Amino acid sequence: MVGLGHAYRRLGVPIVGPTQELPSGGFTYVNRWLLVRDIQAGLLGLTLGQLQAVRRIASQVDLVFATGDTVSQSLAYLSGRPFLSFISPFSALYEGRLRLDFILRAIVRSPRCLALITRDAFTAEDLTRQGFQKVVFGGIPSLDWLIPTEKDLALDPGKPMVALFPGSRLPEAIRNFKVEMGLVQAAVALMGQQVQFRAALVPALMREVATIAQEMGWQYSAGRLSCTLPDGQVAEIRCYDDAFADIIQATTLVIGMAGLAVEQAVALGKPVILIPGEGPQFTYAFAEAQERLLGLNAQTIGTGPATAQTLQDAVGALKKVLDDPIYLETCREQGVRRLGSTGAAERLARMILANLPP
């Protein structure tokens, strides 16, 4: 329902309704003006087409598994079929208590809602205290696929590695990556060659790296970005579009301008420095909310789109974190406690199978 559905098509899962890439990328809650742009781009017609597709196929369906916010949960309800409600974007960790809107409250209290599934245990406990029935802790399924592939990251074992996560949606990810390149320059200017940097990029962004390097005055060859600073030091970033699991497992710290990737890092016990961008997704409002979700593992630098001062402050925070072994160990313990461990994919699969009719 969000995006073009390429991930499902690659798995051979048929798409039954219309798909469209909207300007907001599904993040209208970050900036309500994006909702206006989505409407201008055809949001209402798209939603109507999706509803018609759901109603058209409903008679062939035994069970609906709805993942996401009020929109997807509403379509699950309007299908008229039994459904499992995985409210993956919502968490009580943001405010200490989850306040579902009145539409979603009515949906999950429907007799056809067989389970109300949360991504963290704290939210499951909170909703149970509020009197909701059939609440189940699910977890974060994507954690189960963070299995290293033994990709050679050309790491120096004597230096900490910092991962760069600029996000996955273009053109925002291009802007974010340019910001992170500026941070690497500032880091090398302050810290020398004490740290090594690895960037986890989506294939579409990887294809743009040569152009980005030319625009930013860097050199690029065979996945290696480099830039000679005025003092003669060389800033270097090694880029990969097929080593996310290897990078996230091996990294000491993450420079994050992304959503789920950052949450995955924290769940693995990594500290994260968040740098707001221009959006539409990773703005200061998004980063600040994400910091509340992730707890002490995350810190946001700046209160608006990154400036030169933001990057200097971020480098200072980076150095402070890397020099604090007690904080690093606390992050390892707190991340798992806050967001849960692996196993969510199997838990959800078993839940689906258990609720299918005989």
Protein backbone atom coordinates (compact mmCIF):
# COMPACT_ATOMS: atom_id res chain seq x y z
CA MET A 1 0.00 0.00 0.00
CA VAL A 2 3.03 2.29 0.34
CA GLY A 3 5.40 2.46 -2.60
CA LEU A 4 5.46 0.27 -5.68
CA GLY A 5 5.68 -3.16 -4.07
CA HIS A 6 9.00 -4.22 -5.61
CA ALA A 7 10.03 -6.19 -2.51
CA TYR A 8 6.90 -8.36 -2.80
CA ARG A 9 7.30 -8.85 -6.52
CA ARG A 10 10.88 -10.05 -6.02
CA LEU A 11 9.48 -12.71 -3.68
CA GLY A 12 6.83 -13.73 -6.21
CA VAL A 13 3.95 -12.34 -4.12
CA PRO A 14 1.20 -10.96 -6.39
CA ILE A 15 0.06 -7.35 -5.92
CA VAL A 16 -3.73 -7.20 -6.12
CA GLY A 17 -4.29 -3.43 -6.01
CA PRO A 18 -2.91 -0.26 -7.59
CA THR A 19 0.49 1.02 -6.43
CA GLN A 20 2.05 4.45 -6.67
CA GLU A 21 5.07 6.28 -5.22
CA LEU A 22 3.71 9.33 -3.43
CA PRO A 23 5.71 12.51 -2.61
CA SER A 24 5.55 11.92 1.16
CA GLY A 25 6.76 8.33 1.00
CA GLY A 26 4.12 7.62 3.64
CA PHE A 27 5.44 10.18 6.13
CA THR A 28 2.65 12.77 6.16
CA TYR A 29 2.67 12.77 9.97
CA VAL A 30 6.12 14.41 9.89
CA ASN A 31 4.90 17.28 7.71
CA ARG A 32 1.17 17.72 7.13
CA TRP A 33 1.83 19.82 4.04
CA LEU A 34 3.03 16.62 2.40
CA LEU A 35 -0.53 15.34 2.67
CA VAL A 36 -1.59 18.15 0.33
CA ARG A 37 1.09 17.10 -2.15
CA ASP A 38 -0.03 13.47 -1.87
CA ILE A 39 -3.63 14.47 -2.59
CA GLN A 40 -2.48 16.47 -5.60
CA ALA A 41 -0.53 13.41 -6.78
CA GLY A 42 -3.64 11.19 -6.63
CA LEU A 43 -3.83 9.88 -3.06
CA LEU A 44 -7.61 9.79 -2.90
CA GLY A 45 -7.98 7.86 -6.14
CA LEU A 46 -5.19 5.49 -5.09
CA THR A 47 -6.84 4.79 -1.72
CA LEU A 48 -10.21 4.21 -3.37
CA GLY A 49 -8.59 1.79 -5.83
CA GLN A 50 -6.92 -0.07 -2.97
CA LEU A 51 -10.21 -0.33 -1.09
CA GLN A 52 -11.93 -1.65 -4.21
CA ALA A 53 -9.16 -4.23 -4.62
CA VAL A 54 -9.56 -5.35 -1.01
CA ARG A 55 -13.33 -5.70 -1.35
CA ARG A 56 -12.95 -7.50 -4.67
CA ILE A 57 -10.62 -10.17 -3.29
CA ALA A 58 -12.16 -10.44 0.18
CA SER A 59 -14.40 -13.41 -0.69
CA GLN A 60 -11.26 -15.45 -1.52
CA VAL A 61 -9.53 -14.57 1.75
CA ASP A 62 -9.54 -16.59 4.99
CA LEU A 63 -7.43 -14.19 7.05
CA VAL A 64 -6.01 -10.67 6.71
CA PHE A 65 -2.67 -9.69 8.25
CA ALA A 66 -2.56 -5.89 8.48
CA THR A 67 0.78 -4.19 9.11
CA GLY A 68 0.96 -0.46 9.67
CA ASP A 69 -1.08 2.52 10.75
CA THR A 70 -4.78 3.42 10.73
CA VAL A 71 -5.04 3.31 6.93
CA SER A 72 -3.96 -0.31 6.53
CA GLN A 73 -5.89 -1.37 9.62
CA SER A 74 -9.03 0.31 8.26
CA LEU A 75 -8.77 -1.58 4.98
CA ALA A 76 -8.36 -4.82 6.92
CA TYR A 77 -11.55 -4.02 8.83
CA LEU A 78 -13.43 -3.01 5.67
CA SER A 79 -12.53 -6.33 4.06
CA GLY A 80 -15.16 -7.91 6.31
CA ARG A 81 -12.80 -10.80 7.06
CA PRO A 82 -11.03 -11.88 10.29
CA PHE A 83 -7.75 -10.02 10.68
CA LEU A 84 -4.57 -9.75 12.75
CA SER A 85 -3.57 -6.16 13.53
CA PHE A 86 0.20 -5.56 13.70
CA ILE A 87 0.47 -1.87 14.67
CA SER A 88 4.18 -1.71 13.83
CA PRO A 89 4.54 2.13 13.63
CA PHE A 90 3.10 2.69 17.10
CA SER A 91 4.90 2.43 20.43
CA ALA A 92 4.26 3.52 24.00
CA LEU A 93 8.01 4.15 24.26
CA TYR A 94 7.50 7.58 22.63
CA GLU A 95 5.42 9.05 25.44
CA GLY A 96 5.15 6.34 28.09
CA ARG A 97 1.53 5.66 27.12
CA LEU A 98 0.14 4.89 23.66
CA ARG A 99 -2.91 6.90 22.67
CA LEU A 100 -4.60 5.23 19.71
CA ASP A 101 -6.93 7.42 17.66
CA PHE A 102 -10.64 6.70 17.94
CA ILE A 103 -10.82 4.94 14.56
CA LEU A 104 -8.02 2.54 15.40
CA ARG A 105 -9.43 1.92 18.89
CA ALA A 106 -12.73 0.86 17.33
CA ILE A 107 -11.03 -1.33 14.74
CA VAL A 108 -8.89 -3.32 17.16
CA ARG A 109 -11.88 -3.86 19.46
CA SER A 110 -13.84 -5.46 16.64
CA PRO A 111 -14.67 -9.17 17.19
CA ARG A 112 -13.00 -9.83 13.83
CA CYS A 113 -9.67 -8.50 15.17
CA LEU A 114 -8.14 -11.76 16.39
CA ALA A 115 -4.96 -10.23 17.85
CA LEU A 116 -3.50 -6.77 18.51
CA ILE A 117 0.23 -7.18 17.91
CA THR A 118 2.95 -4.74 19.02
CA ARG A 119 6.59 -4.42 18.04
CA ASP A 120 7.89 -3.97 21.60
CA ALA A 121 6.98 -5.58 24.91
CA PHE A 122 6.48 -2.27 26.72
CA THR A 123 3.67 -1.31 24.34
CA ALA A 124 1.98 -4.69 24.80
CA GLU A 125 2.04 -4.18 28.57
CA ASP A 126 0.73 -0.62 28.22
CA LEU A 127 -2.21 -1.57 25.98
CA THR A 128 -3.11 -4.46 28.30
CA ARG A 129 -3.18 -2.04 31.25
CA GLN A 130 -5.49 0.21 29.20
CA GLY A 131 -7.96 -2.66 28.91
CA PHE A 132 -7.39 -3.75 25.32
CA GLN A 133 -7.99 -7.43 24.71
CA LYS A 134 -5.95 -9.96 22.70
CA VAL A 135 -2.74 -7.93 22.96
CA VAL A 136 0.38 -9.85 21.88
CA PHE A 137 4.05 -8.84 21.71
CA GLY A 138 5.36 -9.52 18.20
CA GLY A 139 8.72 -7.80 17.85
CA ILE A 140 10.67 -6.49 14.86
CA PRO A 141 10.68 -9.20 12.13
CA SER A 142 13.50 -7.61 10.13
CA LEU A 143 15.96 -8.31 12.96
CA ASP A 144 15.82 -11.98 12.01
CA TRP A 145 17.45 -11.30 8.64
CA LEU A 146 20.47 -9.40 9.96
CA ILE A 147 22.74 -12.37 9.37
CA PRO A 148 26.26 -11.46 8.20
CA THR A 149 27.23 -12.77 4.78
CA GLU A 150 30.98 -12.70 5.55
CA LYS A 151 31.39 -9.76 3.18
CA ASP A 152 34.94 -8.41 3.26
CA LEU A 153 34.58 -4.86 4.60
CA ALA A 154 38.36 -4.27 4.52
CA LEU A 155 38.32 -3.34 8.21
CA ASP A 156 41.30 -2.51 10.35
CA PRO A 157 40.62 -4.54 13.54
CA GLY A 158 42.47 -1.97 15.62
CA LYS A 159 40.08 0.91 14.85
CA PRO A 160 36.41 1.47 15.64
CA MET A 161 34.12 1.42 12.63
CA VAL A 162 31.32 3.95 12.15
CA ALA A 163 28.39 3.08 9.87
CA LEU A 164 26.64 5.65 7.70
CA PHE A 165 22.91 5.07 7.12
CA PRO A 166 21.53 7.80 4.81
CA GLY A 167 18.14 6.17 4.21
CA SER A 168 16.62 4.41 1.24
CA ARG A 169 14.32 6.87 -0.51
CA LEU A 170 15.76 9.01 -3.27
CA PRO A 171 16.31 11.92 -3.68
CA GLU A 172 16.28 12.42 0.11
CA ALA A 173 18.91 9.72 0.63
CA ILE A 174 21.25 11.56 -1.77
CA ARG A 175 20.97 14.76 0.28
CA ASN A 176 21.47 12.80 3.50
CA PHE A 177 24.55 11.03 2.18
CA LYS A 178 26.12 14.36 1.22
CA VAL A 179 25.61 15.52 4.81
CA GLU A 180 27.26 12.35 6.10
CA MET A 181 30.20 12.84 3.74
CA GLY A 182 30.65 16.30 5.26
CA LEU A 183 30.63 14.74 8.71
CA VAL A 184 33.39 12.30 7.71
CA GLN A 185 35.52 15.23 6.53
CA ALA A 186 34.97 17.01 9.86
CA ALA A 187 35.73 13.81 11.79
CA VAL A 188 39.02 13.19 10.02
CA ALA A 189 40.02 16.84 10.48
CA LEU A 190 39.48 16.49 14.26
CA MET A 191 40.38 12.85 14.93
CA GLY A 192 42.75 11.95 12.13
CA GLN A 193 42.68 8.31 11.07
CA GLN A 194 41.38 6.98 14.39
CA VAL A 195 38.05 5.87 12.88
CA GLN A 196 37.03 4.00 9.71
CA PHE A 197 33.74 4.65 7.92
CA ARG A 198 31.50 2.24 6.01
CA ALA A 199 28.30 3.30 4.20
CA ALA A 200 25.32 0.97 3.76
CA LEU A 201 23.53 2.19 0.65
CA VAL A 202 20.55 0.94 -1.31
CA PRO A 203 21.36 0.00 -4.93
CA ALA A 204 19.65 3.09 -6.34
CA LEU A 205 21.84 5.34 -4.20
CA MET A 206 24.96 3.31 -4.99
CA ARG A 207 24.40 4.05 -8.67
CA GLU A 208 24.54 7.78 -7.88
CA VAL A 209 27.76 7.75 -5.83
CA ALA A 210 30.08 8.62 -8.74
CA THR A 211 27.94 11.67 -9.57
CA ILE A 212 27.74 12.65 -5.89
CA ALA A 213 31.53 12.41 -5.60
CA GLN A 214 32.00 14.72 -8.56
CA GLU A 215 29.55 17.26 -7.13
CA MET A 216 31.21 17.16 -3.69
CA GLY A 217 34.81 17.27 -4.93
CA TRP A 218 35.62 13.71 -3.86
CA GLN A 219 37.24 10.89 -5.82
CA TYR A 220 35.43 7.61 -6.35
CA SER A 221 36.67 4.25 -7.56
CA ALA A 222 35.50 0.67 -6.97
CA GLY A 223 33.30 1.48 -4.00
CA ARG A 224 35.87 3.76 -2.33
CA LEU A 225 35.18 7.46 -1.78
CA SER A 226 38.14 9.62 -0.83
CA CYS A 227 38.87 13.28 -0.28
CA THR A 228 42.16 15.05 0.53
CA LEU A 229 41.71 17.67 3.26
CA PRO A 230 43.61 21.00 3.36
CA ASP A 231 46.03 19.58 5.95
CA GLY A 232 46.87 16.65 3.67
CA GLN A 233 44.86 14.01 5.54
CA VAL A 234 42.62 11.73 3.50
CA ALA A 235 38.96 11.17 4.39
CA GLU A 236 37.70 7.81 3.14
CA ILE A 237 34.34 6.03 2.99
CA ARG A 238 33.92 2.52 1.66
CA CYS A 239 30.44 2.06 0.17
CA TYR A 240 28.40 -1.13 -0.12
CA ASP A 241 24.92 -1.92 -1.41
CA ASP A 242 25.02 -5.60 -0.48
CA ALA A 243 26.50 -5.68 3.03
CA PHE A 244 23.94 -4.07 5.35
CA ALA A 245 23.85 -7.02 7.77
CA ASP A 246 27.65 -7.23 7.89
CA ILE A 247 28.02 -3.49 8.49
CA ILE A 248 25.34 -3.21 11.17
CA GLN A 249 26.72 -6.18 13.07
CA ALA A 250 30.35 -5.01 12.89
CA THR A 251 29.90 -1.32 13.55
CA THR A 252 30.73 0.40 16.82
CA LEU A 253 28.40 3.36 16.22
CA VAL A 254 25.86 4.50 13.62
CA ILE A 255 25.43 7.93 12.05
CA GLY A 256 21.73 7.66 11.27
CA MET A 257 19.48 9.53 8.87
CA ALA A 258 17.08 6.63 8.37
CA GLY A 259 14.13 4.98 10.09
CA LEU A 260 14.03 1.21 10.42
CA ALA A 261 17.78 0.77 9.89
CA VAL A 262 18.48 2.93 12.94
CA GLU A 263 15.97 1.01 15.05
CA GLN A 264 17.59 -2.25 14.00
CA ALA A 265 20.98 -0.91 15.07
CA VAL A 266 19.69 0.03 18.50
CA ALA A 267 18.02 -3.37 18.90
CA LEU A 268 21.48 -4.86 18.32
CA GLY A 269 22.89 -2.67 21.09
CA LYS A 270 24.55 0.02 18.97
CA PRO A 271 24.70 3.73 19.90
CA VAL A 272 23.28 6.08 17.27
CA ILE A 273 23.89 9.74 16.47
CA LEU A 274 20.94 11.23 14.60
CA ILE A 275 21.45 14.17 12.24
CA PRO A 276 18.28 15.86 10.93
CA GLY A 277 18.01 16.47 7.21
CA GLU A 278 15.65 18.34 4.92
CA GLY A 279 13.12 15.50 4.73
CA PRO A 280 10.48 14.59 3.85
CA GLN A 281 11.18 11.72 6.23
CA PHE A 282 14.25 12.41 8.29
CA THR A 283 13.56 15.88 9.67
CA TYR A 284 14.22 17.15 13.19
CA ALA A 285 10.67 16.19 14.21
CA PHE A 286 11.27 12.62 13.03
CA ALA A 287 14.70 12.40 14.68
CA GLU A 288 13.40 13.82 17.97
CA ALA A 289 10.55 11.30 18.03
CA GLN A 290 12.97 8.51 17.16
CA GLU A 291 15.24 9.55 20.02
CA ARG A 292 12.32 9.20 22.43
CA LEU A 293 11.61 5.75 21.02
CA LEU A 294 15.21 4.53 21.21
CA GLY A 295 16.12 5.90 24.62
CA LEU A 296 19.69 6.44 25.77
CA ASN A 297 21.16 4.65 22.72
CA ALA A 298 20.29 7.64 20.53
CA GLN A 299 21.10 11.35 20.56
CA THR A 300 19.96 14.00 18.09
CA ILE A 301 22.39 16.73 17.06
CA GLY A 302 20.85 20.05 16.01
CA THR A 303 17.25 21.21 15.77
CA GLY A 304 16.92 21.63 12.02
CA PRO A 305 18.53 20.65 8.72
CA ALA A 306 22.24 20.02 9.28
CA THR A 307 24.65 22.96 9.13
CA ALA A 308 28.45 23.11 9.37
CA GLN A 309 28.07 23.66 13.12
CA THR A 310 25.79 20.61 13.36
CA LEU A 311 28.53 18.47 11.82
CA GLN A 312 31.14 19.83 14.22
CA ASP A 313 28.85 19.09 17.17
CA ALA A 314 28.16 15.60 15.79
CA VAL A 315 31.88 14.87 15.53
CA GLY A 316 32.31 15.99 19.14
CA ALA A 317 29.51 13.62 20.16
CA LEU A 318 31.07 10.84 18.08
CA LYS A 319 34.44 11.20 19.79
CA LYS A 320 32.82 11.32 23.24
CA VAL A 321 30.86 8.12 22.62
CA LEU A 322 33.83 6.19 21.25
CA ASP A 323 35.89 7.23 24.30
CA ASP A 324 33.24 5.99 26.76
CA PRO A 325 33.37 2.19 27.18
CA ILE A 326 30.81 2.27 30.00
CA TYR A 327 28.25 4.01 27.76
CA LEU A 328 28.95 1.57 24.91
CA GLU A 329 28.32 -1.39 27.22
CA THR A 330 25.13 0.23 28.54
CA CYS A 331 23.90 0.61 24.95
CA ARG A 332 24.50 -3.08 24.30
CA GLU A 333 22.32 -4.01 27.27
CA GLN A 334 19.65 -1.34 26.88
CA GLY A 335 19.00 -1.81 23.16
CA VAL A 336 17.96 -5.45 23.50
CA ARG A 337 15.93 -4.71 26.63
CA ARG A 338 14.06 -1.84 24.95
CA LEU A 339 13.32 -3.25 21.47
CA GLY A 340 13.49 -7.00 22.03
CA SER A 341 15.59 -9.75 20.56
CA THR A 342 15.29 -11.81 17.39
CA GLY A 343 12.53 -14.33 16.72
CA ALA A 344 9.69 -12.00 15.69
CA ALA A 345 9.34 -13.42 12.17
CA GLU A 346 8.69 -16.91 13.49
CA ARG A 347 6.36 -15.63 16.23
CA LEU A 348 4.25 -13.77 13.67
CA ALA A 349 4.27 -16.70 11.25
CA ARG A 350 3.06 -19.07 13.98
CA MET A 351 0.38 -16.56 14.93
CA ILE A 352 -0.90 -16.45 11.35
CA LEU A 353 -0.94 -20.25 11.09
CA ALA A 354 -2.70 -20.59 14.45
CA ASN A 355 -5.49 -18.26 13.34
CA LEU A 356 -6.16 -19.79 9.93
CA PRO A 357 -9.35 -21.84 9.81
CA PRO A 358 -8.94 -25.65 9.84
